[in-house]
Amino acid sequence: MKKLQFIVIITSVFMLQACVHKIVTVPAKVVYKTTKGVVKGTAAVGKAIIPGDSDDDDDKKDKK
């Protein structure tokens, strides 16, 4: 009887381990994708706001 209880406990531990893995990884993926989008948007806005950023490259090419 004790052998059966041990097998049931071990089996349930492995089943719960898979559930915990899903619970942890799904929100982490959502946070990663959201953060990546925010950073890309912030970089695009920063490039649009900073004046003369692209003009500096053109001026250097014209002087050569």
N, C-alpha and C. Protein backbone atom coordinates (compact mmCIF):
# COMPACT_ATOMS: atom_id res chain seq x y z
N MET A 1 0.82 -1.20 0.00
CA MET A 1 0.00 0.00 0.00
C MET A 1 0.86 1.26 0.00
N LYS A 2 1.97 1.21 0.74
CA LYS A 2 2.84 2.39 0.79
C LYS A 2 3.49 2.65 -0.57
N LYS A 3 3.74 1.57 -1.31
CA LYS A 3 4.35 1.74 -2.62
C LYS A 3 3.40 2.49 -3.56
N LEU A 4 2.12 2.20 -3.49
CA LEU A 4 1.14 2.86 -4.33
C LEU A 4 1.03 4.35 -3.95
N GLN A 5 1.06 4.66 -2.68
CA GLN A 5 1.00 6.06 -2.25
C GLN A 5 2.22 6.84 -2.74
N PHE A 6 3.37 6.20 -2.67
CA PHE A 6 4.60 6.84 -3.14
C PHE A 6 4.52 7.14 -4.64
N ILE A 7 4.02 6.18 -5.40
CA ILE A 7 3.90 6.36 -6.85
C ILE A 7 2.91 7.48 -7.17
N VAL A 8 1.79 7.55 -6.44
CA VAL A 8 0.79 8.59 -6.66
C VAL A 8 1.38 9.97 -6.33
N ILE A 9 2.13 10.06 -5.26
CA ILE A 9 2.74 11.34 -4.87
C ILE A 9 3.75 11.79 -5.92
N ILE A 10 4.59 10.89 -6.37
CA ILE A 10 5.61 11.24 -7.37
C ILE A 10 4.93 11.66 -8.68
N THR A 11 3.91 10.95 -9.09
CA THR A 11 3.19 11.29 -10.32
C THR A 11 2.54 12.67 -10.21
N SER A 12 1.91 12.94 -9.08
CA SER A 12 1.25 14.24 -8.92
C SER A 12 2.28 15.38 -8.88
N VAL A 13 3.45 15.13 -8.33
CA VAL A 13 4.50 16.16 -8.32
C VAL A 13 4.90 16.52 -9.74
N PHE A 14 5.08 15.54 -10.59
CA PHE A 14 5.46 15.82 -11.97
C PHE A 14 4.35 16.53 -12.73
N MET A 15 3.10 16.16 -12.47
CA MET A 15 1.98 16.83 -13.13
C MET A 15 1.88 18.28 -12.70
N LEU A 16 2.04 18.54 -11.42
CA LEU A 16 1.97 19.92 -10.92
C LEU A 16 3.16 20.74 -11.41
N GLN A 17 4.28 20.11 -11.61
CA GLN A 17 5.45 20.82 -12.09
C GLN A 17 5.19 21.39 -13.49
N ALA A 18 4.51 20.65 -14.33
CA ALA A 18 4.17 21.13 -15.67
C ALA A 18 3.21 22.31 -15.60
N CYS A 19 2.26 22.27 -14.67
CA CYS A 19 1.31 23.37 -14.52
C CYS A 19 2.01 24.64 -14.04
N VAL A 20 2.90 24.49 -13.09
CA VAL A 20 3.63 25.65 -12.57
C VAL A 20 4.49 26.26 -13.67
N HIS A 21 5.08 25.43 -14.49
CA HIS A 21 5.91 25.92 -15.61
C HIS A 21 5.07 26.78 -16.55
N LYS A 22 3.87 26.34 -16.88
CA LYS A 22 3.00 27.12 -17.75
C LYS A 22 2.59 28.43 -17.09
N ILE A 23 2.26 28.38 -15.82
CA ILE A 23 1.81 29.58 -15.11
C ILE A 23 2.91 30.63 -15.06
N VAL A 24 4.15 30.20 -14.98
CA VAL A 24 5.27 31.15 -14.88
C VAL A 24 5.68 31.67 -16.26
N THR A 25 5.74 30.81 -17.27
CA THR A 25 6.29 31.23 -18.56
C THR A 25 5.34 32.07 -19.39
N VAL A 26 4.05 31.82 -19.33
CA VAL A 26 3.12 32.58 -20.16
C VAL A 26 3.12 34.07 -19.80
N PRO A 27 2.99 34.46 -18.53
CA PRO A 27 3.08 35.90 -18.22
C PRO A 27 4.44 36.50 -18.55
N ALA A 28 5.50 35.73 -18.41
CA ALA A 28 6.83 36.25 -18.73
C ALA A 28 6.94 36.57 -20.22
N LYS A 29 6.36 35.73 -21.07
CA LYS A 29 6.38 36.00 -22.50
C LYS A 29 5.58 37.25 -22.84
N VAL A 30 4.45 37.43 -22.19
CA VAL A 30 3.62 38.61 -22.44
C VAL A 30 4.36 39.88 -22.04
N VAL A 31 5.01 39.84 -20.88
CA VAL A 31 5.77 41.00 -20.41
C VAL A 31 6.92 41.31 -21.36
N TYR A 32 7.61 40.29 -21.83
CA TYR A 32 8.73 40.49 -22.74
C TYR A 32 8.28 41.16 -24.04
N LYS A 33 7.18 40.65 -24.63
CA LYS A 33 6.70 41.23 -25.89
C LYS A 33 6.22 42.66 -25.70
N THR A 34 5.55 42.92 -24.58
CA THR A 34 5.06 44.27 -24.31
C THR A 34 6.22 45.24 -24.13
N THR A 35 7.21 44.83 -23.36
CA THR A 35 8.37 45.69 -23.11
C THR A 35 9.13 45.95 -24.40
N LYS A 36 9.26 44.93 -25.23
CA LYS A 36 9.97 45.10 -26.50
C LYS A 36 9.25 46.12 -27.38
N GLY A 37 7.93 46.08 -27.41
CA GLY A 37 7.16 47.04 -28.19
C GLY A 37 7.30 48.46 -27.67
N VAL A 38 7.29 48.60 -26.35
CA VAL A 38 7.43 49.93 -25.74
C VAL A 38 8.80 50.51 -26.03
N VAL A 39 9.83 49.71 -25.94
CA VAL A 39 11.19 50.20 -26.19
C VAL A 39 11.34 50.62 -27.64
N LYS A 40 10.80 49.84 -28.56
CA LYS A 40 10.88 50.21 -29.98
C LYS A 40 10.14 51.52 -30.24
N GLY A 41 8.98 51.68 -29.63
CA GLY A 41 8.21 52.91 -29.79
C GLY A 41 8.93 54.11 -29.22
N THR A 42 9.55 53.93 -28.07
CA THR A 42 10.29 55.02 -27.44
C THR A 42 11.49 55.42 -28.30
N ALA A 43 12.17 54.45 -28.87
CA ALA A 43 13.31 54.76 -29.74
C ALA A 43 12.87 55.51 -30.98
N ALA A 44 11.73 55.12 -31.54
CA ALA A 44 11.23 55.80 -32.74
C ALA A 44 10.84 57.24 -32.43
N VAL A 45 10.20 57.44 -31.29
CA VAL A 45 9.82 58.80 -30.90
C VAL A 45 11.06 59.64 -30.64
N GLY A 46 12.05 59.05 -30.01
CA GLY A 46 13.30 59.79 -29.73
C GLY A 46 13.99 60.21 -31.01
N LYS A 47 13.99 59.34 -32.00
CA LYS A 47 14.61 59.70 -33.28
C LYS A 47 13.83 60.80 -33.99
N ALA A 48 12.52 60.79 -33.83
CA ALA A 48 11.70 61.80 -34.50
C ALA A 48 11.82 63.16 -33.83
N ILE A 49 12.03 63.17 -32.52
CA ILE A 49 12.06 64.43 -31.77
C ILE A 49 13.41 65.13 -31.88
N ILE A 50 14.49 64.36 -31.90
CA ILE A 50 15.83 64.97 -31.91
C ILE A 50 16.06 65.63 -33.27
N PRO A 51 16.18 66.94 -33.31
CA PRO A 51 16.34 67.62 -34.59
C PRO A 51 17.77 67.51 -35.13
N GLY A 52 17.88 67.43 -36.43
CA GLY A 52 19.19 67.45 -37.07
C GLY A 52 19.96 66.16 -36.98
N ASP A 53 19.35 65.13 -36.49
CA ASP A 53 20.06 63.87 -36.32
C ASP A 53 20.45 63.28 -37.67
N SER A 54 19.52 63.24 -38.60
CA SER A 54 19.82 62.67 -39.91
C SER A 54 20.54 63.69 -40.81
N ASP A 55 20.38 64.98 -40.55
CA ASP A 55 21.02 66.01 -41.37
C ASP A 55 22.53 66.02 -41.17
N ASP A 56 23.00 65.60 -40.00
CA ASP A 56 24.44 65.59 -39.74
C ASP A 56 25.15 64.64 -40.68
N ASP A 57 24.55 63.50 -40.96
CA ASP A 57 25.16 62.53 -41.88
C ASP A 57 25.23 63.10 -43.29
N ASP A 58 24.21 63.79 -43.71
CA ASP A 58 24.21 64.37 -45.05
C ASP A 58 25.26 65.47 -45.19
N ASP A 59 25.44 66.28 -44.15
CA ASP A 59 26.43 67.35 -44.20
C ASP A 59 27.85 66.80 -44.32
N LYS A 60 28.13 65.72 -43.64
CA LYS A 60 29.47 65.10 -43.71
C LYS A 60 29.75 64.57 -45.12
N LYS A 61 28.74 64.02 -45.76
CA LYS A 61 28.92 63.47 -47.10
C LYS A 61 29.15 64.59 -48.11
N ASP A 62 28.46 65.74 -47.91
CA ASP A 62 28.60 66.86 -48.84
C ASP A 62 29.97 67.51 -48.75
N LYS A 63 30.58 67.53 -47.57
CA LYS A 63 31.89 68.16 -47.39
C LYS A 63 33.02 67.38 -48.02
N LYS A 64 32.84 66.10 -48.24
CA LYS A 64 33.93 65.28 -48.78
C LYS A 64 34.13 65.48 -50.24
